[in-house]
Amino acid sequence: MTQAIPPITLPTSENPQLEGEWLQERLLRWLDAEFIPEAINQKIAQRATQIFVRQRMEGENDLGSLVIAIVTEMQAFDFSKSFYGEFAIANAVSDLLLESLGIERCCGQ
């Protein structure tokens, strides 16, 4: 019998702007390292961070909900000059957050 994966809840944000600065820097570093550094990567990191910070300021702590918000809102972003898409960005944000919490991303442990 399969068991449901429990939700991952981030600690309540004391400073969403500071979290956003951290996320933007880490996401940009990931974007540049994953393929090749591109000018559009800065805009992608900025937009994903804006979504994340707004969600955190509104009190969102559920990682799954944050990922869905990023996927949904990044659908309006023009990825035509990038190798990436909204799912790759949301997954990267999730991986970076899991890593910061010390949670193994492949197995949820």
N, C-alpha and C. Protein backbone atom coordinates (compact mmCIF):
# COMPACT_ATOMS: atom_id res chain seq x y z
N MET A 1 0.84 -1.17 0.00
CA MET A 1 0.00 0.00 0.00
C MET A 1 0.89 1.24 0.00
N THR A 2 0.56 2.19 -0.83
CA THR A 2 1.36 3.41 -0.90
C THR A 2 0.91 4.40 0.17
N GLN A 3 1.87 5.19 0.59
CA GLN A 3 1.58 6.21 1.59
C GLN A 3 1.71 7.58 0.94
N ALA A 4 0.85 8.48 1.34
CA ALA A 4 0.91 9.85 0.83
C ALA A 4 2.17 10.52 1.34
N ILE A 5 2.73 11.37 0.50
CA ILE A 5 3.90 12.15 0.90
C ILE A 5 3.40 13.31 1.74
N PRO A 6 3.92 13.46 2.94
CA PRO A 6 3.46 14.56 3.79
C PRO A 6 3.87 15.91 3.20
N PRO A 7 3.08 16.93 3.43
CA PRO A 7 3.44 18.25 2.91
C PRO A 7 4.69 18.78 3.60
N ILE A 8 5.41 19.62 2.91
CA ILE A 8 6.59 20.26 3.48
C ILE A 8 6.22 21.71 3.75
N THR A 9 6.37 22.08 4.99
CA THR A 9 6.01 23.43 5.41
C THR A 9 7.28 24.20 5.76
N LEU A 10 7.44 25.35 5.14
CA LEU A 10 8.58 26.21 5.45
C LEU A 10 8.33 26.94 6.76
N PRO A 11 9.39 27.28 7.46
CA PRO A 11 9.20 28.10 8.66
C PRO A 11 8.55 29.43 8.27
N THR A 12 7.77 30.00 9.18
CA THR A 12 7.17 31.30 8.92
C THR A 12 8.28 32.29 8.60
N SER A 13 8.04 33.10 7.59
CA SER A 13 9.06 34.05 7.14
C SER A 13 9.14 35.26 8.05
N GLU A 14 10.32 35.49 8.56
CA GLU A 14 10.57 36.69 9.36
C GLU A 14 10.91 37.88 8.46
N ASN A 15 11.51 37.58 7.31
CA ASN A 15 11.95 38.64 6.40
C ASN A 15 11.85 38.13 4.96
N PRO A 16 10.67 38.23 4.33
CA PRO A 16 10.50 37.72 2.97
C PRO A 16 11.46 38.36 1.96
N GLN A 17 11.78 39.62 2.15
CA GLN A 17 12.71 40.30 1.21
C GLN A 17 14.09 39.67 1.27
N LEU A 18 14.57 39.37 2.46
CA LEU A 18 15.87 38.73 2.62
C LEU A 18 15.85 37.33 2.02
N GLU A 19 14.76 36.59 2.26
CA GLU A 19 14.61 35.28 1.63
C GLU A 19 14.67 35.42 0.11
N GLY A 20 14.00 36.45 -0.41
CA GLY A 20 13.97 36.69 -1.85
C GLY A 20 15.35 36.98 -2.41
N GLU A 21 16.13 37.78 -1.69
CA GLU A 21 17.50 38.08 -2.15
C GLU A 21 18.31 36.79 -2.22
N TRP A 22 18.18 35.95 -1.18
CA TRP A 22 18.89 34.68 -1.16
C TRP A 22 18.45 33.82 -2.34
N LEU A 23 17.11 33.71 -2.54
CA LEU A 23 16.58 32.86 -3.60
C LEU A 23 17.02 33.36 -4.98
N GLN A 24 16.94 34.65 -5.20
CA GLN A 24 17.31 35.19 -6.51
C GLN A 24 18.77 34.89 -6.83
N GLU A 25 19.64 35.08 -5.86
CA GLU A 25 21.07 34.81 -6.09
C GLU A 25 21.32 33.34 -6.36
N ARG A 26 20.70 32.47 -5.57
CA ARG A 26 20.89 31.02 -5.75
C ARG A 26 20.26 30.53 -7.05
N LEU A 27 19.08 31.03 -7.38
CA LEU A 27 18.41 30.60 -8.61
C LEU A 27 19.20 31.06 -9.83
N LEU A 28 19.70 32.27 -9.81
CA LEU A 28 20.50 32.76 -10.93
C LEU A 28 21.76 31.92 -11.08
N ARG A 29 22.39 31.59 -9.97
CA ARG A 29 23.60 30.75 -10.02
C ARG A 29 23.25 29.38 -10.63
N TRP A 30 22.11 28.82 -10.23
CA TRP A 30 21.68 27.53 -10.77
C TRP A 30 21.39 27.63 -12.26
N LEU A 31 20.65 28.67 -12.66
CA LEU A 31 20.32 28.86 -14.07
C LEU A 31 21.58 28.95 -14.93
N ASP A 32 22.54 29.74 -14.47
CA ASP A 32 23.78 29.93 -15.23
C ASP A 32 24.63 28.67 -15.29
N ALA A 33 24.57 27.86 -14.25
CA ALA A 33 25.39 26.65 -14.20
C ALA A 33 24.76 25.48 -14.94
N GLU A 34 23.44 25.44 -15.00
CA GLU A 34 22.74 24.29 -15.58
C GLU A 34 22.97 24.16 -17.08
N PHE A 35 22.91 25.27 -17.81
CA PHE A 35 23.21 25.26 -19.24
C PHE A 35 24.35 26.25 -19.48
N ILE A 36 24.01 27.42 -20.00
CA ILE A 36 25.02 28.47 -20.20
C ILE A 36 24.46 29.77 -19.63
N PRO A 37 25.34 30.64 -19.15
CA PRO A 37 24.84 31.94 -18.67
C PRO A 37 24.19 32.72 -19.82
N GLU A 38 22.99 33.19 -19.59
CA GLU A 38 22.27 33.98 -20.58
C GLU A 38 21.69 35.21 -19.88
N ALA A 39 21.56 36.30 -20.62
CA ALA A 39 21.01 37.53 -20.05
C ALA A 39 19.60 37.32 -19.51
N ILE A 40 18.82 36.48 -20.15
CA ILE A 40 17.44 36.24 -19.74
C ILE A 40 17.36 35.58 -18.37
N ASN A 41 18.42 34.90 -17.96
CA ASN A 41 18.42 34.22 -16.65
C ASN A 41 18.16 35.19 -15.51
N GLN A 42 18.70 36.39 -15.61
CA GLN A 42 18.50 37.40 -14.57
C GLN A 42 17.01 37.74 -14.46
N LYS A 43 16.35 37.92 -15.59
CA LYS A 43 14.92 38.24 -15.59
C LYS A 43 14.09 37.08 -15.06
N ILE A 44 14.47 35.87 -15.41
CA ILE A 44 13.76 34.69 -14.91
C ILE A 44 13.88 34.63 -13.39
N ALA A 45 15.09 34.79 -12.88
CA ALA A 45 15.32 34.73 -11.43
C ALA A 45 14.56 35.85 -10.72
N GLN A 46 14.54 37.03 -11.31
CA GLN A 46 13.82 38.15 -10.71
C GLN A 46 12.33 37.87 -10.64
N ARG A 47 11.75 37.38 -11.73
CA ARG A 47 10.31 37.13 -11.76
C ARG A 47 9.91 36.02 -10.79
N ALA A 48 10.66 34.93 -10.79
CA ALA A 48 10.34 33.83 -9.87
C ALA A 48 10.45 34.31 -8.43
N THR A 49 11.45 35.13 -8.15
CA THR A 49 11.63 35.66 -6.80
C THR A 49 10.48 36.59 -6.41
N GLN A 50 10.02 37.41 -7.34
CA GLN A 50 8.88 38.29 -7.04
C GLN A 50 7.66 37.48 -6.62
N ILE A 51 7.40 36.41 -7.36
CA ILE A 51 6.26 35.55 -7.05
C ILE A 51 6.45 34.93 -5.67
N PHE A 52 7.63 34.38 -5.43
CA PHE A 52 7.93 33.74 -4.16
C PHE A 52 7.77 34.72 -2.99
N VAL A 53 8.35 35.91 -3.10
CA VAL A 53 8.30 36.89 -2.01
C VAL A 53 6.86 37.30 -1.75
N ARG A 54 6.09 37.56 -2.80
CA ARG A 54 4.69 37.94 -2.60
C ARG A 54 3.92 36.84 -1.87
N GLN A 55 4.13 35.61 -2.29
CA GLN A 55 3.46 34.48 -1.65
C GLN A 55 3.85 34.39 -0.17
N ARG A 56 5.12 34.55 0.12
CA ARG A 56 5.59 34.48 1.50
C ARG A 56 5.02 35.63 2.33
N MET A 57 4.94 36.83 1.73
CA MET A 57 4.38 37.98 2.43
C MET A 57 2.90 37.77 2.74
N GLU A 58 2.24 36.99 1.89
CA GLU A 58 0.82 36.67 2.11
C GLU A 58 0.64 35.52 3.10
N GLY A 59 1.75 35.00 3.61
CA GLY A 59 1.69 33.97 4.63
C GLY A 59 1.77 32.54 4.13
N GLU A 60 2.10 32.35 2.87
CA GLU A 60 2.18 30.98 2.33
C GLU A 60 3.45 30.31 2.83
N ASN A 61 3.29 29.15 3.45
CA ASN A 61 4.42 28.38 3.98
C ASN A 61 4.51 26.98 3.38
N ASP A 62 3.48 26.57 2.65
CA ASP A 62 3.44 25.24 2.07
C ASP A 62 4.26 25.21 0.78
N LEU A 63 5.27 24.35 0.74
CA LEU A 63 6.15 24.30 -0.43
C LEU A 63 5.39 23.94 -1.70
N GLY A 64 4.47 22.99 -1.61
CA GLY A 64 3.69 22.61 -2.79
C GLY A 64 2.89 23.77 -3.35
N SER A 65 2.29 24.55 -2.48
CA SER A 65 1.52 25.72 -2.92
C SER A 65 2.43 26.78 -3.55
N LEU A 66 3.62 26.94 -2.99
CA LEU A 66 4.58 27.90 -3.57
C LEU A 66 4.98 27.46 -4.98
N VAL A 67 5.23 26.18 -5.15
CA VAL A 67 5.61 25.65 -6.47
C VAL A 67 4.48 25.85 -7.47
N ILE A 68 3.26 25.56 -7.07
CA ILE A 68 2.11 25.75 -7.97
C ILE A 68 1.96 27.22 -8.35
N ALA A 69 2.14 28.12 -7.39
CA ALA A 69 2.04 29.56 -7.68
C ALA A 69 3.10 29.97 -8.69
N ILE A 70 4.32 29.47 -8.54
CA ILE A 70 5.39 29.83 -9.48
C ILE A 70 5.09 29.28 -10.86
N VAL A 71 4.67 28.01 -10.94
CA VAL A 71 4.32 27.43 -12.25
C VAL A 71 3.22 28.25 -12.91
N THR A 72 2.18 28.54 -12.16
CA THR A 72 1.02 29.24 -12.72
C THR A 72 1.39 30.63 -13.21
N GLU A 73 2.08 31.39 -12.38
CA GLU A 73 2.39 32.77 -12.76
C GLU A 73 3.52 32.87 -13.78
N MET A 74 4.43 31.91 -13.79
CA MET A 74 5.51 31.94 -14.78
C MET A 74 5.02 31.53 -16.17
N GLN A 75 3.80 31.02 -16.29
CA GLN A 75 3.26 30.69 -17.61
C GLN A 75 3.15 31.94 -18.48
N ALA A 76 3.00 33.09 -17.86
CA ALA A 76 2.90 34.34 -18.62
C ALA A 76 4.27 34.90 -19.00
N PHE A 77 5.34 34.31 -18.51
CA PHE A 77 6.69 34.78 -18.81
C PHE A 77 7.11 34.30 -20.20
N ASP A 78 7.82 35.14 -20.93
CA ASP A 78 8.30 34.78 -22.28
C ASP A 78 9.62 34.01 -22.16
N PHE A 79 9.55 32.71 -22.29
CA PHE A 79 10.73 31.86 -22.21
C PHE A 79 11.37 31.61 -23.58
N SER A 80 10.98 32.35 -24.60
CA SER A 80 11.46 32.08 -25.96
C SER A 80 12.97 32.26 -26.13
N LYS A 81 13.60 33.00 -25.24
CA LYS A 81 15.06 33.22 -25.32
C LYS A 81 15.79 32.40 -24.28
N SER A 82 15.17 31.33 -23.83
CA SER A 82 15.74 30.53 -22.74
C SER A 82 15.57 29.05 -23.04
N PHE A 83 16.41 28.26 -22.38
CA PHE A 83 16.26 26.81 -22.43
C PHE A 83 15.21 26.32 -21.43
N TYR A 84 14.79 27.19 -20.54
CA TYR A 84 13.94 26.82 -19.43
C TYR A 84 12.46 27.08 -19.70
N GLY A 85 11.63 26.57 -18.82
CA GLY A 85 10.20 26.81 -18.82
C GLY A 85 9.73 26.92 -17.39
N GLU A 86 8.44 27.16 -17.21
CA GLU A 86 7.92 27.42 -15.87
C GLU A 86 8.08 26.23 -14.91
N PHE A 87 7.98 25.00 -15.43
CA PHE A 87 8.12 23.84 -14.56
C PHE A 87 9.55 23.67 -14.08
N ALA A 88 10.51 23.89 -14.97
CA ALA A 88 11.92 23.80 -14.57
C ALA A 88 12.26 24.82 -13.50
N ILE A 89 11.71 26.03 -13.64
CA ILE A 89 11.99 27.08 -12.67
C ILE A 89 11.36 26.75 -11.32
N ALA A 90 10.10 26.34 -11.32
CA ALA A 90 9.42 25.99 -10.07
C ALA A 90 10.12 24.82 -9.38
N ASN A 91 10.54 23.82 -10.15
CA ASN A 91 11.25 22.69 -9.58
C ASN A 91 12.60 23.10 -9.01
N ALA A 92 13.29 24.01 -9.70
CA ALA A 92 14.58 24.49 -9.20
C ALA A 92 14.39 25.25 -7.88
N VAL A 93 13.37 26.09 -7.81
CA VAL A 93 13.07 26.80 -6.56
C VAL A 93 12.81 25.79 -5.45
N SER A 94 12.00 24.79 -5.73
CA SER A 94 11.71 23.76 -4.75
C SER A 94 12.99 23.07 -4.28
N ASP A 95 13.83 22.67 -5.21
CA ASP A 95 15.08 22.00 -4.86
C ASP A 95 15.97 22.88 -3.99
N LEU A 96 16.07 24.16 -4.34
CA LEU A 96 16.90 25.09 -3.56
C LEU A 96 16.35 25.25 -2.14
N LEU A 97 15.04 25.34 -2.01
CA LEU A 97 14.43 25.47 -0.69
C LEU A 97 14.61 24.19 0.14
N LEU A 98 14.41 23.04 -0.50
CA LEU A 98 14.61 21.77 0.20
C LEU A 98 16.06 21.65 0.68
N GLU A 99 16.99 22.00 -0.19
CA GLU A 99 18.40 21.96 0.19
C GLU A 99 18.67 22.86 1.39
N SER A 100 18.08 24.06 1.38
CA SER A 100 18.30 24.99 2.49
C SER A 100 17.74 24.47 3.81
N LEU A 101 16.73 23.59 3.73
CA LEU A 101 16.12 23.00 4.92
C LEU A 101 16.81 21.69 5.32
N GLY A 102 17.77 21.24 4.51
CA GLY A 102 18.45 19.98 4.80
C GLY A 102 17.63 18.76 4.47
N ILE A 103 16.68 18.91 3.54
CA ILE A 103 15.83 17.79 3.14
C ILE A 103 16.33 17.23 1.82
N GLU A 104 16.56 15.93 1.78
CA GLU A 104 17.01 15.25 0.57
C GLU A 104 15.88 15.32 -0.45
N ARG A 105 16.14 15.91 -1.60
CA ARG A 105 15.06 16.15 -2.55
C ARG A 105 14.60 14.92 -3.30
N CYS A 106 15.44 13.90 -3.41
CA CYS A 106 15.00 12.73 -4.17
C CYS A 106 14.03 11.85 -3.38
N CYS A 107 14.13 11.87 -2.09
CA CYS A 107 13.35 10.92 -1.30
C CYS A 107 12.50 11.58 -0.22
N GLY A 108 12.59 12.87 -0.08
CA GLY A 108 11.80 13.56 0.92
C GLY A 108 12.25 13.33 2.35
N GLN A 109 13.45 12.86 2.53
CA GLN A 109 13.97 12.59 3.88
C GLN A 109 14.91 13.69 4.29
